[in-house]
Amino acid sequence: MLTTIVFLTTLAIAAAITVTVPGSPVTSIETTSTVLECTFTTTSSNPLISWYKGSSTSTGYLIIQKDNSGVFPQPGITRHDIQNQASLLITDTQLSDADKYWCQVEGLGDPRDEKSITLTVTPATPPSQPTISITAGSNPSNAGNIIRLKCTSTGSPTPSCSWLRDNQPLPAITRYQLSSDGSAFTINPSDKDDNGKTFTCHVTNVKGNKDEHIILNIRYAPDNPDCTYQTTTSLSYLLDDEMKIRCQSTDGNPLATLHWYHGNNQIQGLSSSTNGNTVSQDYTWNLNRNDNGEMYRCEATNVIQITPLPCQLGPFNVYFPAESVTLSGITNPVKEGETKILTCTTSTSNPASQISWLKDNNVWTANTYESITSDVTRDGDYNGEISEQQMTISIQAEHNNKSYQCQLSHTDITGHVTSTVIHLTVYYKPFVVNVPHNQRSYASKGSVAELRCEIESNPLSSVIWYGPNNQPINNDSRVSIKTVSRGTLHESILTIQNTMLSDYGSYSCFAENDIGSTTFIVTFNDKILSQSFRGVPIDTVVLEGNEVMLNCSWKDFESTATVAWNRVQLSLYLGNKAGKLYADPEFDDCCEIVGNTQNNDFTLKIRNANFDDMAIWKCSYSGTILLEEEAKITVLAHESTGVFL
């Protein structure tokens, strides 16, 4: 068997390695990190980098090596590393590190190359005592100005610079600005918060650190002063009460100067006291009338705050009572229908007097015809007040002989003062009294009749009687008129002797005075005929849906007479003995006459009572005399409807 063996031979082609290092010595400072730069070119895929310390690679000693597998410091070497391509990093450089260093690079089969770098190490020195200079602004300075502080210190290595405020790191506020190296500190703008603060420049390097301090004096305005009462929290006092007031100002640089003023007059002889950043000034005196309504003002100033900052107390209420009260506005007599105003006015007081009213020596109460306004005040002496209140009276007849007074009082001062009395004399038109008693009169034929008309008026009225024929009545052999007066009551009595049928009818009593007039109608009827009338019950109560019977009949019924049924001023039925003369359709729907009209019986039946029927029903007889009777019907709901009246 023929075996063929093929030998492959790799031909190594030598390639030069080129090492490059800085051409000048490297100087470093003790304790800093030092980098000895070294680069190379090679075609080797795994070059070996070696650093030596000494006069040559053969006489010196190996420090550290690096290839593709890693970095390999020699035993005992802890501060050295190879970074980037081939640069040597020495941390915490020592004076003993000063020497010649060799960067050597070799590749497989390549000739090596090496270059040297000389390292000089200078000793480190601690920072010098820093100095702080003001490069912008001043100290002291006014709030709002820019202040720039510059910190300077020497040392090797160059000290780093930082700033503290009251031994704490600077707060992160936009007003505080640092330069890139930290040596310059700018406050823009300065503020009262910076006043009295200690700003520290702290410099440090590996050899030590030092501090320098500056305390800023920032001048700024004080806060608004605060004025307070020290004697009492009340604003109301009596004459000769002791009063103590205090003005207090906080903050400000310098602290405020305080002055008290009464009006525009500065109060002299006062001194201030200081407690920390607060200054106070007290003023003590006894109150008098001139203090009432007055203000006390305190002003605070300093070199920054030229325009005074004020606070004030008052106005002071010094109590003193009114001494008198007057009532005016009405001169008698007054007339019904007029509107009159009583005015109650007090003298000066403080507080303002409270006004109340008396009517006929009793406490006045509100009513339809009298009203009072709210108190109105105006300025009086010693900054007191004059109170005024008015009573408006719509004059009515009942105001005649009424008496009015007003009186004043004070909430915090005992006692009251009462005005003089005003008595009203009212002229008013006549009006009728005792109407139900006098509006009907009855007498039998041949008997004596009396018709009465009672009139209230002021001045007294003249009275004229008119008969059924609307003619004035004069005294004669059968008729006489007598008048009786009692104060403002005027009673006229018409007496008829030997009454005749022609005397029956409606009589008018006409009363008149300078203010107005009135007419009173008296119905005069035959007593016997009127007694034959049997009217409806006064009140009738019925359940809803039930029948209601309303009786209306006579014993004697004139042949020409008629009867009418009405409900709430609505005429429903008119008839006579012969029967129905007129009936509203609503009447036929709800009601019917069930009595025998030929026998003078006009009894009414409501067939199915409902709530529309709940009203006043009237039965009227109209003949030679007029007779009327009324009844009230109340309709109740059934319990099942749930409605009760």
Foldseek 3Di string as FASTA:
>chain_A
DDDDDDDDDDDDDADAKAKDFDPAAAEEEAQAKDKGDMDMDDPAPWKKKWKWFAPDPVPTDTAWIDTPVGIGGDPPRDQWDADDHGMIMGGRDHQVVFGKMKIKIDHVVYDIDIDIHGYGYDYWFWKDAKDKDWPAADFAGEFQGKTKIFIDICIVVRWQKAKAKQNHHDDPDPQWDADPSRRMIMGHGHHLVLAQIKMKIWTGDPHGIHIDIDGGHYFYWWDFKDKDWDPDNDLEEAFFDKTKMKIKIFDGVVAWDKWKDWVNHTDPDWDWDDDVRMIMTMDIDTDHLLLAQTKMKMWIADPHRPDTRIDIDDSHFHWDDFDAKEKDWDDDAAEQQDKTKIKIKTAFTPPEWDKFKDKQNHGDDDDDFKDKDPWDWDAHPSRTIMIMMMMIGNDDPVLAQMKMKMKIDDPPDDDIYIYDIDTYHYFYWKDWPPQVVQQEWEEAAQAKTKHKTKIFGPPEWDKWKAAQVRHTDDDDPFWDWDWDDDPRIIMIMIMGGRHDLVRFAKMWIWIGDPHGIDIGIHGYYYPVFVVQWDFFDAEAEEEFFAKDKGKTFGQDADQPKKKWKDWPNRTAFIGAQVGTPDGDPVCVVFKDQPDNRVNRIRMMMGRGDDPVRQTKMKMWMDDSGIDMDIYGYHYAYDVVVVDGD
